[in-house]
Amino acid sequence: MQLGELEAGNEASLSFDENFADSGQVAAEQGEAMALAGSLREQLDDVERALRKLDNGTYGTCEVDGKPIDDARLEAMPATRFCINHA
């Protein structure tokens, strides 16, 4: 399943087993899929932002104070936007 199929605007494209006896279970699964899509979209946005920062030479700098982000933090969270003090 693609991210776009999970996103909130595409509820009709979600496919669930029609044999579910409980429509509440279907609603719960749809809610879980939409929450997952939201989380994946945020992660993708963070990675794309980090790639743009690589392109413009600002990767690895805190967006609050402009100081370098510690290498260990970048290794643990490559798409982070903030140093540990501003996280």
C-alpha atoms as a PDB file:
ATOM      1  CA  MET A   1       0.000   0.000   0.000  1.00  0.00           C
ATOM      2  CA  GLN A   2       1.308   3.461  -0.897  1.00  0.00           C
ATOM      3  CA  LEU A   3       1.455   6.387   1.528  1.00  0.00           C
ATOM      4  CA  GLY A   4      -1.066   8.313  -0.541  1.00  0.00           C
ATOM      5  CA  GLU A   5      -3.561   5.489  -0.118  1.00  0.00           C
ATOM      6  CA  LEU A   6      -3.235   5.726   3.651  1.00  0.00           C
ATOM      7  CA  GLU A   7      -3.652   9.477   3.941  1.00  0.00           C
ATOM      8  CA  ALA A   8      -6.825  10.971   5.316  1.00  0.00           C
ATOM      9  CA  GLY A   9      -8.073  12.311   1.999  1.00  0.00           C
ATOM     10  CA  ASN A  10      -8.112   8.848   0.468  1.00  0.00           C
ATOM     11  CA  GLU A  11     -10.340   6.885   2.847  1.00  0.00           C
ATOM     12  CA  ALA A  12     -12.282   5.419  -0.071  1.00  0.00           C
ATOM     13  CA  SER A  13      -9.158   3.741  -1.443  1.00  0.00           C
ATOM     14  CA  LEU A  14      -8.500   1.816   1.772  1.00  0.00           C
ATOM     15  CA  SER A  15      -9.456  -1.816   1.434  1.00  0.00           C
ATOM     16  CA  PHE A  16     -10.656  -3.728   4.457  1.00  0.00           C
ATOM     17  CA  ASP A  17     -12.126  -7.185   4.781  1.00  0.00           C
ATOM     18  CA  GLU A  18     -15.860  -6.841   4.124  1.00  0.00           C
ATOM     19  CA  ASN A  19     -16.525  -9.836   6.392  1.00  0.00           C
ATOM     20  CA  PHE A  20     -15.809  -7.844   9.548  1.00  0.00           C
ATOM     21  CA  ALA A  21     -18.817  -8.319  11.807  1.00  0.00           C
ATOM     22  CA  ASP A  22     -18.061  -5.170  13.754  1.00  0.00           C
ATOM     23  CA  SER A  23     -18.032  -1.870  11.920  1.00  0.00           C
ATOM     24  CA  GLY A  24     -16.223  -0.426  14.952  1.00  0.00           C
ATOM     25  CA  GLN A  25     -13.285  -2.649  14.129  1.00  0.00           C
ATOM     26  CA  VAL A  26     -13.246  -1.281  10.578  1.00  0.00           C
ATOM     27  CA  ALA A  27     -13.362   2.278  11.891  1.00  0.00           C
ATOM     28  CA  ALA A  28     -10.516   1.495  14.299  1.00  0.00           C
ATOM     29  CA  GLU A  29      -8.393   0.050  11.493  1.00  0.00           C
ATOM     30  CA  GLN A  30      -9.094   3.076   9.317  1.00  0.00           C
ATOM     31  CA  GLY A  31      -8.080   5.336  12.198  1.00  0.00           C
ATOM     32  CA  GLU A  32      -4.861   3.388  12.692  1.00  0.00           C
ATOM     33  CA  ALA A  33      -4.078   3.571   8.966  1.00  0.00           C
ATOM     34  CA  MET A  34      -4.656   7.331   8.939  1.00  0.00           C
ATOM     35  CA  ALA A  35      -2.466   7.802  12.035  1.00  0.00           C
ATOM     36  CA  LEU A  36       0.285   5.729  10.422  1.00  0.00           C
ATOM     37  CA  ALA A  37      -0.001   7.758   7.228  1.00  0.00           C
ATOM     38  CA  GLY A  38       0.318  10.979   9.196  1.00  0.00           C
ATOM     39  CA  SER A  39       3.427   9.736  10.951  1.00  0.00           C
ATOM     40  CA  LEU A  40       4.995   8.518   7.708  1.00  0.00           C
ATOM     41  CA  ARG A  41       4.177  11.838   6.005  1.00  0.00           C
ATOM     42  CA  GLU A  42       5.923  13.747   8.837  1.00  0.00           C
ATOM     43  CA  GLN A  43       8.992  11.530   8.535  1.00  0.00           C
ATOM     44  CA  LEU A  44       9.084  11.963   4.768  1.00  0.00           C
ATOM     45  CA  ASP A  45       8.742  15.740   5.120  1.00  0.00           C
ATOM     46  CA  ASP A  46      11.627  15.749   7.632  1.00  0.00           C
ATOM     47  CA  VAL A  47      13.871  13.760   5.286  1.00  0.00           C
ATOM     48  CA  GLU A  48      13.013  15.972   2.308  1.00  0.00           C
ATOM     49  CA  ARG A  49      13.771  19.075   4.417  1.00  0.00           C
ATOM     50  CA  ALA A  50      17.132  17.570   5.427  1.00  0.00           C
ATOM     51  CA  LEU A  51      17.952  16.867   1.767  1.00  0.00           C
ATOM     52  CA  ARG A  52      17.147  20.483   0.844  1.00  0.00           C
ATOM     53  CA  LYS A  53      19.421  21.623   3.671  1.00  0.00           C
ATOM     54  CA  LEU A  54      22.192  19.414   2.253  1.00  0.00           C
ATOM     55  CA  ASP A  55      21.697  21.086  -1.122  1.00  0.00           C
ATOM     56  CA  ASN A  56      21.859  24.610   0.274  1.00  0.00           C
ATOM     57  CA  GLY A  57      24.710  23.937   2.721  1.00  0.00           C
ATOM     58  CA  THR A  58      22.791  24.340   5.971  1.00  0.00           C
ATOM     59  CA  TYR A  59      22.501  20.680   6.963  1.00  0.00           C
ATOM     60  CA  GLY A  60      23.678  20.004  10.497  1.00  0.00           C
ATOM     61  CA  THR A  61      22.916  23.441  11.877  1.00  0.00           C
ATOM     62  CA  CYS A  62      20.262  24.132  14.504  1.00  0.00           C
ATOM     63  CA  GLU A  63      17.291  26.063  13.119  1.00  0.00           C
ATOM     64  CA  VAL A  64      17.010  28.046  16.375  1.00  0.00           C
ATOM     65  CA  ASP A  65      20.524  29.302  17.014  1.00  0.00           C
ATOM     66  CA  GLY A  66      22.369  28.357  13.803  1.00  0.00           C
ATOM     67  CA  LYS A  67      25.043  26.466  15.706  1.00  0.00           C
ATOM     68  CA  PRO A  68      26.297  23.041  14.570  1.00  0.00           C
ATOM     69  CA  ILE A  69      24.309  20.020  15.718  1.00  0.00           C
ATOM     70  CA  ASP A  70      26.442  17.407  17.478  1.00  0.00           C
ATOM     71  CA  ASP A  71      27.551  14.577  15.171  1.00  0.00           C
ATOM     72  CA  ALA A  72      26.202  11.919  17.560  1.00  0.00           C
ATOM     73  CA  ARG A  73      22.749  13.533  17.428  1.00  0.00           C
ATOM     74  CA  LEU A  74      22.848  13.688  13.628  1.00  0.00           C
ATOM     75  CA  GLU A  75      23.899  10.050  13.500  1.00  0.00           C
ATOM     76  CA  ALA A  76      20.987   9.053  15.728  1.00  0.00           C
ATOM     77  CA  MET A  77      18.487  11.379  14.029  1.00  0.00           C
ATOM     78  CA  PRO A  78      19.769  12.378  10.571  1.00  0.00           C
ATOM     79  CA  ALA A  79      16.744  14.554   9.780  1.00  0.00           C
ATOM     80  CA  THR A  80      16.785  16.490  13.049  1.00  0.00           C
ATOM     81  CA  ARG A  81      16.316  20.239  12.766  1.00  0.00           C
ATOM     82  CA  PHE A  82      17.492  21.205  16.223  1.00  0.00           C
ATOM     83  CA  CYS A  83      20.438  20.760  18.561  1.00  0.00           C
ATOM     84  CA  ILE A  84      19.806  18.907  21.808  1.00  0.00           C
ATOM     85  CA  ASN A  85      19.305  22.205  23.669  1.00  0.00           C
ATOM     86  CA  HIS A  86      16.431  23.217  21.381  1.00  0.00           C
ATOM     87  CA  ALA A  87      14.892  19.815  20.755  1.00  0.00           C
END
